[in-house]
C-alpha atoms as a PDB file:
ATOM      1  CA  UNK A   1      -0.114  -0.019   0.013  1.00  0.00           C
ATOM      2  CA  UNK A   2       1.368   3.464  -0.984  1.00  0.00           C
ATOM      3  CA  UNK A   3       0.752   6.259   1.413  1.00  0.00           C
ATOM      4  CA  UNK A   4       0.639   9.910   0.062  1.00  0.00           C
ATOM      5  CA  UNK A   5      -0.127  13.233   1.498  1.00  0.00           C
ATOM      6  CA  UNK A   6      -2.119  16.058   0.148  1.00  0.00           C
ATOM      7  CA  UNK A   7      -0.685  19.463  -0.016  1.00  0.00           C
ATOM      8  CA  UNK A   8      -3.332  20.499   2.513  1.00  0.00           C
ATOM      9  CA  UNK A   9      -2.428  17.869   4.977  1.00  0.00           C
ATOM     10  CA  UNK A  10       1.322  18.904   4.702  1.00  0.00           C
ATOM     11  CA  UNK A  11       0.256  22.583   5.280  1.00  0.00           C
ATOM     12  CA  UNK A  12      -1.962  21.492   8.254  1.00  0.00           C
ATOM     13  CA  UNK A  13       0.950  19.481   9.937  1.00  0.00           C
ATOM     14  CA  UNK A  14       3.141  22.459   9.953  1.00  0.00           C
ATOM     15  CA  UNK A  15       0.758  24.156  12.327  1.00  0.00           C
ATOM     16  CA  UNK A  16       1.074  21.395  14.965  1.00  0.00           C
ATOM     17  CA  UNK A  17       3.125  21.786  18.050  1.00  0.00           C
ATOM     18  CA  UNK A  18       6.355  19.921  18.341  1.00  0.00           C
ATOM     19  CA  UNK A  19       4.942  17.188  20.629  1.00  0.00           C
ATOM     20  CA  UNK A  20       2.061  16.886  18.231  1.00  0.00           C
ATOM     21  CA  UNK A  21       4.328  16.583  15.326  1.00  0.00           C
ATOM     22  CA  UNK A  22       6.246  13.828  17.009  1.00  0.00           C
ATOM     23  CA  UNK A  23       2.937  11.863  17.854  1.00  0.00           C
ATOM     24  CA  UNK A  24       1.849  12.324  14.124  1.00  0.00           C
ATOM     25  CA  UNK A  25       5.241  10.725  13.006  1.00  0.00           C
ATOM     26  CA  UNK A  26       4.709   7.893  15.566  1.00  0.00           C
ATOM     27  CA  UNK A  27       0.919   7.440  14.520  1.00  0.00           C
ATOM     28  CA  UNK A  28       1.583   7.402  10.762  1.00  0.00           C
ATOM     29  CA  UNK A  29       4.440   4.738  11.171  1.00  0.00           C
ATOM     30  CA  UNK A  30       1.953   2.624  13.230  1.00  0.00           C
ATOM     31  CA  UNK A  31      -0.640   3.163  10.548  1.00  0.00           C
ATOM     32  CA  UNK A  32       1.767   1.885   8.044  1.00  0.00           C
ATOM     33  CA  UNK A  33       2.596  -1.263  10.044  1.00  0.00           C
ATOM     34  CA  UNK A  34      -1.051  -2.049  11.219  1.00  0.00           C
ATOM     35  CA  UNK A  35      -3.761   0.260   9.696  1.00  0.00           C
ATOM     36  CA  UNK A  36      -6.275  -0.849  12.277  1.00  0.00           C
ATOM     37  CA  UNK A  37      -4.403  -0.761  15.500  1.00  0.00           C
ATOM     38  CA  UNK A  38      -6.676  -0.027  18.312  1.00  0.00           C
ATOM     39  CA  UNK A  39      -4.610   2.967  19.405  1.00  0.00           C
ATOM     40  CA  UNK A  40      -5.428   4.681  16.111  1.00  0.00           C
ATOM     41  CA  UNK A  41      -9.183   4.310  16.476  1.00  0.00           C
ATOM     42  CA  UNK A  42      -9.477   4.024  12.711  1.00  0.00           C
ATOM     43  CA  UNK A  43     -13.069   4.502  11.864  1.00  0.00           C
ATOM     44  CA  UNK A  44     -15.239   5.432   8.627  1.00  0.00           C
ATOM     45  CA  UNK A  45     -16.901   8.823   8.534  1.00  0.00           C
ATOM     46  CA  UNK A  46     -20.456   9.966   7.504  1.00  0.00           C
ATOM     47  CA  UNK A  47     -22.013  13.137   6.172  1.00  0.00           C
ATOM     48  CA  UNK A  48     -19.872  15.576   4.309  1.00  0.00           C
ATOM     49  CA  UNK A  49     -16.880  13.101   4.755  1.00  0.00           C
ATOM     50  CA  UNK A  50     -18.661  10.024   3.533  1.00  0.00           C
ATOM     51  CA  UNK A  51     -16.043   7.702   1.955  1.00  0.00           C
ATOM     52  CA  UNK A  52     -13.283   9.044   4.144  1.00  0.00           C
ATOM     53  CA  UNK A  53     -11.673   7.548   7.219  1.00  0.00           C
ATOM     54  CA  UNK A  54     -10.189   9.167  10.438  1.00  0.00           C
ATOM     55  CA  UNK A  55      -7.430   8.237  12.822  1.00  0.00           C
ATOM     56  CA  UNK A  56      -6.447   9.719  16.129  1.00  0.00           C
ATOM     57  CA  UNK A  57      -3.195  11.454  16.406  1.00  0.00           C
ATOM     58  CA  UNK A  58      -2.938  13.393  19.601  1.00  0.00           C
ATOM     59  CA  UNK A  59      -5.641  14.437  21.962  1.00  0.00           C
ATOM     60  CA  UNK A  60      -8.063  16.073  19.809  1.00  0.00           C
ATOM     61  CA  UNK A  61      -6.175  15.987  16.684  1.00  0.00           C
ATOM     62  CA  UNK A  62      -7.422  13.777  13.824  1.00  0.00           C
ATOM     63  CA  UNK A  63      -6.033  12.836  10.290  1.00  0.00           C
ATOM     64  CA  UNK A  64      -8.633  12.163   7.527  1.00  0.00           C
ATOM     65  CA  UNK A  65      -7.693   9.927   4.756  1.00  0.00           C
ATOM     66  CA  UNK A  66      -9.213   8.159   1.692  1.00  0.00           C
ATOM     67  CA  UNK A  67      -8.195   4.655   0.377  1.00  0.00           C
ATOM     68  CA  UNK A  68      -8.553   2.798  -2.841  1.00  0.00           C
ATOM     69  CA  UNK A  69      -7.048  -0.596  -3.854  1.00  0.00           C
ATOM     70  CA  UNK A  70      -3.518   0.737  -4.210  1.00  0.00           C
ATOM     71  CA  UNK A  71      -3.216   3.954  -2.322  1.00  0.00           C
ATOM     72  CA  UNK A  72      -4.090   5.849   0.895  1.00  0.00           C
ATOM     73  CA  UNK A  73      -4.044   9.680   0.729  1.00  0.00           C
ATOM     74  CA  UNK A  74      -4.135  11.771   3.898  1.00  0.00           C
ATOM     75  CA  UNK A  75      -5.999  14.792   3.198  1.00  0.00           C
ATOM     76  CA  UNK A  76      -6.818  16.688   6.288  1.00  0.00           C
ATOM     77  CA  UNK A  77      -5.327  17.084   9.760  1.00  0.00           C
ATOM     78  CA  UNK A  78      -6.934  19.341  12.405  1.00  0.00           C
ATOM     79  CA  UNK A  79      -8.893  19.111  15.665  1.00  0.00           C
ATOM     80  CA  UNK A  80     -12.055  17.196  15.959  1.00  0.00           C
ATOM     81  CA  UNK A  81     -14.091  20.315  16.371  1.00  0.00           C
ATOM     82  CA  UNK A  82     -12.500  22.000  13.418  1.00  0.00           C
ATOM     83  CA  UNK A  83     -13.054  19.005  11.045  1.00  0.00           C
ATOM     84  CA  UNK A  84     -16.510  18.038  12.133  1.00  0.00           C
ATOM     85  CA  UNK A  85     -17.908  21.209  13.791  1.00  0.00           C
END
């Protein structure tokens, strides 16, 4: 499985604090090894994000991605309230 990052995801990641960036790196590595590890709380989304999935990064920070047969693309990274509010 190939993992890619949308330019908006990269831009969002630059706004994180240093501890959040470290946690992001850890969680993305874990995702690459075990996509459905319970720590990630990987789950499908509804409403305007139908077809997307979310994983927990740190505290209130979530990463959204879309997956097809050959690729995962992370598209958004923000707090729960900013993404879903």
